[in-house]
Amino acid sequence: MRFWHGMDFSTWMKLLVRNRFRFAPIRSSMVTTVTISSLLNSFASAFESLLFGHAIRRSVLKEPPLFVLGHWRSGTTLLHELLMLDPRHTCPTTYQCLAPHHFLWTGWFLPRLISFLMPAKRPMDNMPAGLDRPQEDEFALVNLGEPSPYLTWAFPNHGPVFDEYLDLRRLTSDERQKWKDTWCNFVKRVGLNNGRRIVLKSPTHTARVRTILEVFPDARFIHIVRDPLVLFPSTVRLWKSLNLVQGFQIPRNDEAWVEEHVLGQLLRMYDCFEEDRQLVPPGRLINVRYENLVADPVGEMRAVYEKLRLGNFADIEPGLLEYKRKTRDYRTNKYALPQEVADRVRSRWAPYFQRYGYAVAETVPTPA
């Protein structure tokens, strides 16, 4: 099962036409299954609109959403998982993001039929995977037809695409409004008849705080940071693995653009974030260090709950203690950067090092 299996037929055809149908012959079976799936999604989408259209239009979120922000591989997934231990929270699941056109009526039976298609672990970091796990709403937007930098992974030999959708700032007013309408509609459907606070996590949202506040003025934000000399190689590994696993082409030249793309993307993301964070009212945003969260999840999450006023921390503390017990043997991937690469990261990402307190002495050692 790939990200693209959630597209409707129109979105799928636009992706193929835009890339001039240049998929690798060895990926023909994947193209065939996505085509079949897209036809089914189009039919199921029409049925969902008929069943739930009126309820969705009238739906109002009872609580403003809580957003997990941070660069890829900074610990956003871990933080998302911990927040979902709170019974007062809900979030988009992997199934909802892979079936955004029809999850309201297929969600009660289809996940059980297709769960065998999902791996038990994520390939890039061995974190648990599954259709019922928390997921990035960016994947739902892709399947709903909105442009996204994530579409790069579909045809990786064509290089990065839709970088303007990272921060939404260079879009026309009509394009930006369409993006907001599509996103808001999906979020409302996730929260339909739920009543719980929705927790949303997509690294891309780190560059979109301004737009998020336009849609949800009372939103709260948790921003997580991590040692840049771990962040960089981990993100490069992520992009290359997704190019290979998710692509309709066999990557042949991603070495030429992935590293530079990762270096430049963080700078652009954080230029936007540092400018936009000034718009967030006091008491609505907190920074968390990944290293501290791993060392003391209970203490760090208690600080988050107190700063953002998320409710009684006692409701989540037993779950945190159990999570810590179950994951005590989990080990993160280890990276050793060549000296010239580490120096380039220190130079290009110097503002991130300095702003979030990652002095050179604190970072992981690199071989000569």
Protein backbone atom coordinates (compact mmCIF):
# COMPACT_ATOMS: atom_id res chain seq x y z
CA MET A 1 0.00 0.00 0.00
CA ARG A 2 1.41 3.40 -1.03
CA PHE A 3 0.47 6.98 -0.21
CA TRP A 4 -1.08 7.42 -3.64
CA HIS A 5 -3.69 4.69 -3.24
CA GLY A 6 -5.94 7.28 -1.59
CA MET A 7 -6.23 9.55 -4.65
CA ASP A 8 -9.42 9.85 -6.66
CA PHE A 9 -9.24 9.28 -10.41
CA SER A 10 -8.98 12.96 -11.37
CA THR A 11 -6.09 13.62 -8.96
CA TRP A 12 -4.29 10.47 -10.11
CA MET A 13 -4.60 11.35 -13.80
CA LYS A 14 -3.29 14.87 -13.16
CA LEU A 15 -0.23 13.39 -11.43
CA LEU A 16 0.48 11.06 -14.35
CA VAL A 17 -0.05 13.75 -17.00
CA ARG A 18 2.11 16.26 -15.13
CA ASN A 19 4.94 13.71 -15.13
CA ARG A 20 4.27 12.64 -18.74
CA PHE A 21 3.51 9.04 -17.70
CA ARG A 22 7.24 8.45 -17.17
CA PHE A 23 6.96 5.63 -14.67
CA ALA A 24 9.40 2.72 -14.66
CA PRO A 25 8.10 -0.47 -16.32
CA ILE A 26 8.91 -2.39 -13.14
CA ARG A 27 6.36 -0.14 -11.35
CA SER A 28 3.55 -1.04 -13.76
CA SER A 29 1.75 -3.17 -11.18
CA MET A 30 1.81 -0.26 -8.74
CA VAL A 31 0.40 2.06 -11.42
CA THR A 32 -2.35 -0.47 -12.13
CA THR A 33 -3.39 -0.86 -8.49
CA VAL A 34 -3.41 2.92 -7.91
CA THR A 35 -5.57 3.36 -11.03
CA ILE A 36 -8.09 0.79 -9.82
CA SER A 37 -8.04 2.25 -6.33
CA SER A 38 -8.57 5.78 -7.67
CA LEU A 39 -11.71 4.72 -9.52
CA LEU A 40 -13.09 3.12 -6.37
CA ASN A 41 -12.20 6.22 -4.35
CA SER A 42 -14.08 8.45 -6.78
CA PHE A 43 -17.20 6.34 -6.42
CA ALA A 44 -16.87 6.13 -2.62
CA SER A 45 -16.31 9.89 -2.39
CA ALA A 46 -19.60 10.62 -4.14
CA PHE A 47 -21.38 8.27 -1.76
CA GLU A 48 -19.82 9.95 1.29
CA SER A 49 -20.88 13.39 0.08
CA LEU A 50 -24.42 12.10 -0.27
CA LEU A 51 -24.43 10.55 3.21
CA PHE A 52 -22.53 13.15 5.23
CA GLY A 53 -22.38 16.36 3.18
CA HIS A 54 -24.94 18.23 5.26
CA ALA A 55 -23.43 17.13 8.59
CA ILE A 56 -19.93 18.16 7.48
CA ARG A 57 -21.08 21.62 6.44
CA ARG A 58 -22.70 22.14 9.85
CA SER A 59 -19.82 20.64 11.82
CA VAL A 60 -18.01 22.92 14.29
CA LEU A 61 -14.93 21.91 16.29
CA LYS A 62 -15.62 22.12 20.03
CA GLU A 63 -11.92 22.65 20.83
CA PRO A 64 -9.26 24.52 18.83
CA PRO A 65 -6.69 22.07 17.41
CA LEU A 66 -3.30 21.39 18.94
CA PHE A 67 -0.40 21.39 16.46
CA VAL A 68 2.88 19.49 16.68
CA LEU A 69 5.54 21.43 14.77
CA GLY A 70 9.12 20.58 13.91
CA HIS A 71 11.38 19.48 11.07
CA TRP A 72 11.23 15.96 9.71
CA ARG A 73 12.95 13.46 12.03
CA SER A 74 12.95 15.90 14.96
CA GLY A 75 10.66 13.73 17.08
CA THR A 76 7.26 14.94 15.89
CA THR A 77 5.95 11.38 15.58
CA LEU A 78 7.01 10.53 19.13
CA LEU A 79 5.35 13.66 20.46
CA HIS A 80 2.19 12.91 18.47
CA GLU A 81 2.05 9.39 19.90
CA LEU A 82 2.48 10.66 23.46
CA LEU A 83 -0.28 13.24 23.08
CA MET A 84 -2.61 10.53 21.82
CA LEU A 85 -2.30 8.73 25.16
CA ASP A 86 -4.70 11.39 26.44
CA PRO A 87 -8.30 10.14 26.04
CA ARG A 88 -9.40 13.74 25.52
CA HIS A 89 -7.47 13.88 22.23
CA THR A 90 -8.13 12.58 18.75
CA CYS A 91 -6.16 12.84 15.50
CA PRO A 92 -6.19 11.78 11.85
CA THR A 93 -5.29 8.11 11.57
CA THR A 94 -3.27 6.52 8.80
CA TYR A 95 -6.47 5.10 7.33
CA GLN A 96 -8.20 8.48 7.33
CA CYS A 97 -5.23 10.08 5.55
CA LEU A 98 -5.03 7.24 3.00
CA ALA A 99 -8.81 7.27 2.46
CA PRO A 100 -9.73 10.94 2.93
CA HIS A 101 -12.52 10.76 0.36
CA HIS A 102 -14.64 8.21 2.19
CA PHE A 103 -13.35 7.24 5.66
CA LEU A 104 -16.55 8.35 7.38
CA TRP A 105 -18.51 5.42 5.96
CA THR A 106 -15.77 2.89 5.07
CA GLY A 107 -13.82 3.31 8.30
CA TRP A 108 -15.90 0.77 10.18
CA PHE A 109 -15.10 -2.19 7.90
CA LEU A 110 -12.38 -1.50 5.28
CA PRO A 111 -9.36 -1.13 7.62
CA ARG A 112 -9.90 -4.68 8.88
CA LEU A 113 -9.86 -5.99 5.31
CA ILE A 114 -6.69 -4.21 4.16
CA SER A 115 -4.63 -4.03 7.36
CA PHE A 116 -2.36 -6.83 6.09
CA LEU A 117 -1.08 -4.42 3.41
CA MET A 118 0.58 -2.21 6.05
CA PRO A 119 4.02 -2.97 7.54
CA ALA A 120 4.27 -3.40 11.29
CA LYS A 121 7.17 -0.91 11.45
CA ARG A 122 8.07 2.24 9.54
CA PRO A 123 11.04 1.53 7.26
CA MET A 124 13.00 4.64 8.20
CA ASP A 125 13.07 4.32 12.01
CA ASN A 126 11.31 1.14 13.22
CA MET A 127 8.50 3.12 14.86
CA PRO A 128 5.18 1.19 14.94
CA ALA A 129 2.98 1.53 11.86
CA GLY A 130 -0.64 0.64 11.20
CA LEU A 131 -3.89 1.98 9.81
CA ASP A 132 -5.06 3.05 13.26
CA ARG A 133 -1.87 4.96 14.17
CA PRO A 134 -1.63 8.78 14.22
CA GLN A 135 -0.67 10.19 10.82
CA GLU A 136 0.27 13.43 9.07
CA ASP A 137 -2.68 15.30 7.58
CA GLU A 138 -0.38 16.35 4.70
CA PHE A 139 -0.95 12.91 3.18
CA ALA A 140 -4.69 13.51 3.21
CA LEU A 141 -4.18 16.81 1.38
CA VAL A 142 -2.10 15.03 -1.28
CA ASN A 143 -4.83 12.45 -1.82
CA LEU A 144 -7.49 15.17 -1.91
CA GLY A 145 -5.69 16.80 -4.84
CA GLU A 146 -3.78 19.62 -3.18
CA PRO A 147 -0.19 20.18 -4.39
CA SER A 148 2.48 19.33 -1.82
CA PRO A 149 6.27 18.90 -1.61
CA TYR A 150 5.46 15.26 -0.78
CA LEU A 151 4.59 14.65 -4.44
CA THR A 152 8.34 14.72 -5.08
CA TRP A 153 8.46 11.12 -3.86
CA ALA A 154 6.12 9.93 -6.62
CA PHE A 155 8.53 10.79 -9.46
CA PRO A 156 11.88 11.38 -7.71
CA ASN A 157 13.95 11.54 -10.90
CA HIS A 158 12.18 14.79 -11.76
CA GLY A 159 13.50 16.46 -8.61
CA PRO A 160 11.64 18.53 -5.98
CA VAL A 161 8.18 19.85 -6.85
CA PHE A 162 5.65 22.26 -5.32
CA ASP A 163 8.08 23.86 -2.88
CA GLU A 164 5.78 26.89 -2.85
CA TYR A 165 3.28 24.78 -0.91
CA LEU A 166 5.71 24.36 1.98
CA ASP A 167 4.84 27.80 3.37
CA LEU A 168 1.93 28.81 1.07
CA ARG A 169 3.26 32.38 0.83
CA ARG A 170 3.82 32.52 -2.92
CA LEU A 171 0.37 31.20 -3.81
CA THR A 172 -2.32 33.33 -5.37
CA SER A 173 -5.21 34.27 -3.11
CA ASP A 174 -7.43 31.74 -4.91
CA GLU A 175 -4.87 28.92 -4.55
CA ARG A 176 -4.39 29.70 -0.89
CA GLN A 177 -8.12 29.80 -0.22
CA LYS A 178 -8.62 26.49 -2.01
CA TRP A 179 -5.88 24.91 0.13
CA LYS A 180 -7.49 26.24 3.32
CA ASP A 181 -10.95 25.04 2.31
CA THR A 182 -9.71 21.52 1.48
CA TRP A 183 -7.70 21.26 4.68
CA CYS A 184 -10.45 22.66 6.91
CA ASN A 185 -13.01 20.29 5.38
CA PHE A 186 -10.78 17.30 6.16
CA VAL A 187 -10.15 18.45 9.74
CA LYS A 188 -13.89 18.94 10.32
CA ARG A 189 -14.60 15.43 9.05
CA VAL A 190 -11.97 13.99 11.42
CA GLY A 191 -13.69 15.78 14.29
CA LEU A 192 -17.26 15.07 13.18
CA ASN A 193 -19.40 14.04 16.19
CA ASN A 194 -16.22 13.59 18.18
CA GLY A 195 -16.02 16.43 20.69
CA ARG A 196 -12.36 15.83 21.49
CA ARG A 197 -9.41 18.12 20.78
CA ILE A 198 -7.78 17.28 17.44
CA VAL A 199 -3.99 16.94 17.44
CA LEU A 200 -2.47 17.64 14.02
CA LYS A 201 1.11 16.83 13.06
CA SER A 202 2.86 17.55 9.78
CA PRO A 203 6.38 18.99 9.57
CA THR A 204 5.18 21.18 6.70
CA HIS A 205 2.90 23.04 9.14
CA THR A 206 6.03 24.47 10.81
CA ALA A 207 6.22 26.94 7.90
CA ARG A 208 2.46 27.64 7.90
CA VAL A 209 1.77 29.11 11.34
CA ARG A 210 0.44 32.32 9.80
CA THR A 211 -2.11 30.42 7.70
CA ILE A 212 -3.03 28.10 10.56
CA LEU A 213 -3.89 31.08 12.75
CA GLU A 214 -6.10 32.49 9.99
CA VAL A 215 -8.16 29.28 10.09
CA PHE A 216 -7.86 28.47 13.82
CA PRO A 217 -7.05 31.70 15.76
CA ASP A 218 -7.08 29.88 19.13
CA ALA A 219 -4.76 27.03 18.06
CA ARG A 220 -1.99 25.87 20.38
CA PHE A 221 1.46 24.73 19.24
CA ILE A 222 4.16 22.37 20.49
CA HIS A 223 7.43 22.84 18.63
CA ILE A 224 10.13 20.18 18.93
CA VAL A 225 13.81 20.53 18.00
CA ARG A 226 16.66 18.03 17.74
CA ASP A 227 20.45 17.94 17.35
CA PRO A 228 21.06 19.14 13.77
CA LEU A 229 23.89 16.66 13.21
CA VAL A 230 21.36 13.87 13.74
CA LEU A 231 18.52 15.71 12.03
CA PHE A 232 20.37 16.11 8.73
CA PRO A 233 21.45 12.52 7.98
CA SER A 234 18.17 11.15 9.30
CA THR A 235 16.16 13.41 6.99
CA VAL A 236 18.37 12.55 4.01
CA ARG A 237 17.81 8.87 4.75
CA LEU A 238 14.06 9.48 5.02
CA TRP A 239 13.81 11.22 1.65
CA LYS A 240 15.89 8.59 -0.13
CA SER A 241 13.93 5.70 1.39
CA LEU A 242 10.62 7.30 0.39
CA ASN A 243 11.92 7.99 -3.12
CA LEU A 244 12.66 4.28 -3.41
CA VAL A 245 9.59 2.82 -1.68
CA GLN A 246 6.93 5.29 -2.85
CA GLY A 247 8.26 6.25 -6.27
CA PHE A 248 6.89 5.22 -9.63
CA GLN A 249 10.47 5.48 -10.84
CA ILE A 250 13.67 3.80 -9.68
CA PRO A 251 15.72 6.67 -8.21
CA ARG A 252 18.84 7.22 -10.28
CA ASN A 253 19.91 10.77 -9.47
CA ASP A 254 18.52 11.66 -6.04
CA GLU A 255 22.08 11.93 -4.70
CA ALA A 256 22.34 15.05 -6.86
CA TRP A 257 19.53 16.94 -5.16
CA VAL A 258 18.43 15.37 -1.87
CA GLU A 259 21.20 16.68 0.39
CA GLU A 260 21.04 20.23 -0.96
CA HIS A 261 17.24 20.12 -0.83
CA VAL A 262 17.28 19.09 2.84
CA LEU A 263 19.80 21.82 3.71
CA GLY A 264 17.78 24.54 1.98
CA GLN A 265 14.38 23.36 3.15
CA LEU A 266 15.16 23.70 6.85
CA LEU A 267 16.38 27.26 6.35
CA ARG A 268 13.23 28.24 4.50
CA MET A 269 11.00 26.47 7.00
CA TYR A 270 12.58 28.23 9.96
CA ASP A 271 12.72 31.65 8.32
CA CYS A 272 8.93 31.39 8.09
CA PHE A 273 8.49 29.89 11.55
CA GLU A 274 10.59 32.51 13.34
CA GLU A 275 8.69 35.29 11.59
CA ASP A 276 5.25 33.76 12.23
CA ARG A 277 5.76 32.71 15.83
CA GLN A 278 5.47 36.37 16.80
CA LEU A 279 1.81 36.13 15.83
CA VAL A 280 1.08 33.41 18.40
CA PRO A 281 -0.42 34.82 21.62
CA PRO A 282 1.52 34.22 24.86
CA GLY A 283 0.91 30.84 26.45
CA ARG A 284 -0.01 29.17 23.15
CA LEU A 285 3.41 27.87 22.03
CA ILE A 286 6.09 25.84 23.76
CA ASN A 287 9.48 24.54 22.59
CA VAL A 288 10.56 20.99 23.46
CA ARG A 289 13.97 19.38 22.94
CA TYR A 290 13.87 15.82 21.62
CA GLU A 291 16.77 14.79 23.83
CA ASN A 292 14.93 15.96 26.96
CA LEU A 293 11.68 14.31 25.88
CA VAL A 294 13.38 10.93 25.43
CA ALA A 295 15.24 11.21 28.74
CA ASP A 296 12.21 12.33 30.78
CA PRO A 297 8.91 12.01 28.88
CA VAL A 298 6.79 12.44 32.02
CA GLY A 299 8.53 15.62 33.14
CA GLU A 300 8.58 17.17 29.68
CA MET A 301 4.94 16.38 28.97
CA ARG A 302 3.93 17.78 32.37
CA ALA A 303 5.62 21.06 31.39
CA VAL A 304 3.74 21.05 28.06
CA TYR A 305 0.39 20.53 29.76
CA GLU A 306 1.03 23.28 32.29
CA LYS A 307 2.29 25.84 29.75
CA LEU A 308 -0.49 25.26 27.20
CA ARG A 309 -3.21 24.58 29.80
CA LEU A 310 -4.25 21.31 28.18
CA GLY A 311 -6.13 19.97 31.18
CA ASN A 312 -5.46 17.63 34.08
CA PHE A 313 -2.08 15.97 33.56
CA ALA A 314 -3.07 13.06 35.83
CA ASP A 315 -5.29 11.77 33.01
CA ILE A 316 -2.27 11.08 30.80
CA GLU A 317 0.46 10.27 33.35
CA PRO A 318 -0.34 6.52 33.75
CA GLY A 319 -0.27 6.10 29.98
CA LEU A 320 3.09 7.89 29.76
CA LEU A 321 4.59 5.63 32.41
CA GLU A 322 3.33 2.54 30.57
CA TYR A 323 4.63 3.88 27.23
CA LYS A 324 8.04 4.48 28.80
CA ARG A 325 8.09 0.92 30.14
CA LYS A 326 7.14 -0.62 26.79
CA THR A 327 9.68 1.39 24.79
CA ARG A 328 12.61 1.24 27.17
CA ASP A 329 14.52 -1.02 24.77
CA TYR A 330 13.88 1.12 21.67
CA ARG A 331 17.06 2.39 20.05
CA THR A 332 17.27 5.24 17.56
CA ASN A 333 19.39 5.01 14.42
CA LYS A 334 23.03 6.04 14.80
CA TYR A 335 24.79 8.35 12.34
CA ALA A 336 28.41 9.27 11.79
CA LEU A 337 28.86 12.13 9.37
CA PRO A 338 32.01 12.68 7.32
CA GLN A 339 33.81 15.74 8.63
CA GLU A 340 33.19 17.83 5.51
CA VAL A 341 29.44 17.10 5.63
CA ALA A 342 29.23 17.92 9.34
CA ASP A 343 31.06 21.19 8.73
CA ARG A 344 28.65 22.07 5.91
CA VAL A 345 25.66 21.39 8.18
CA ARG A 346 27.16 23.52 10.95
CA SER A 347 27.75 26.35 8.50
CA ARG A 348 24.39 26.28 6.66
CA TRP A 349 22.27 25.58 9.73
CA ALA A 350 24.16 27.88 12.12
CA PRO A 351 21.00 29.85 13.03
CA TYR A 352 19.24 26.63 14.13
CA PHE A 353 22.29 25.54 16.19
CA GLN A 354 22.44 28.90 17.94
CA ARG A 355 18.72 29.58 18.38
CA TYR A 356 17.95 26.25 20.02
CA GLY A 357 21.11 25.84 22.07
CA TYR A 358 22.95 23.16 20.14
CA ALA A 359 26.55 24.19 20.62
CA VAL A 360 29.18 22.25 18.70
CA ALA A 361 30.35 20.52 21.89
CA GLU A 362 26.87 19.04 22.42
CA THR A 363 26.54 17.44 19.01
CA VAL A 364 27.37 13.89 18.09
CA PRO A 365 31.02 13.14 17.29
CA THR A 366 32.02 12.84 13.66
CA PRO A 367 34.92 10.78 12.31
CA ALA A 368 37.90 12.56 10.83
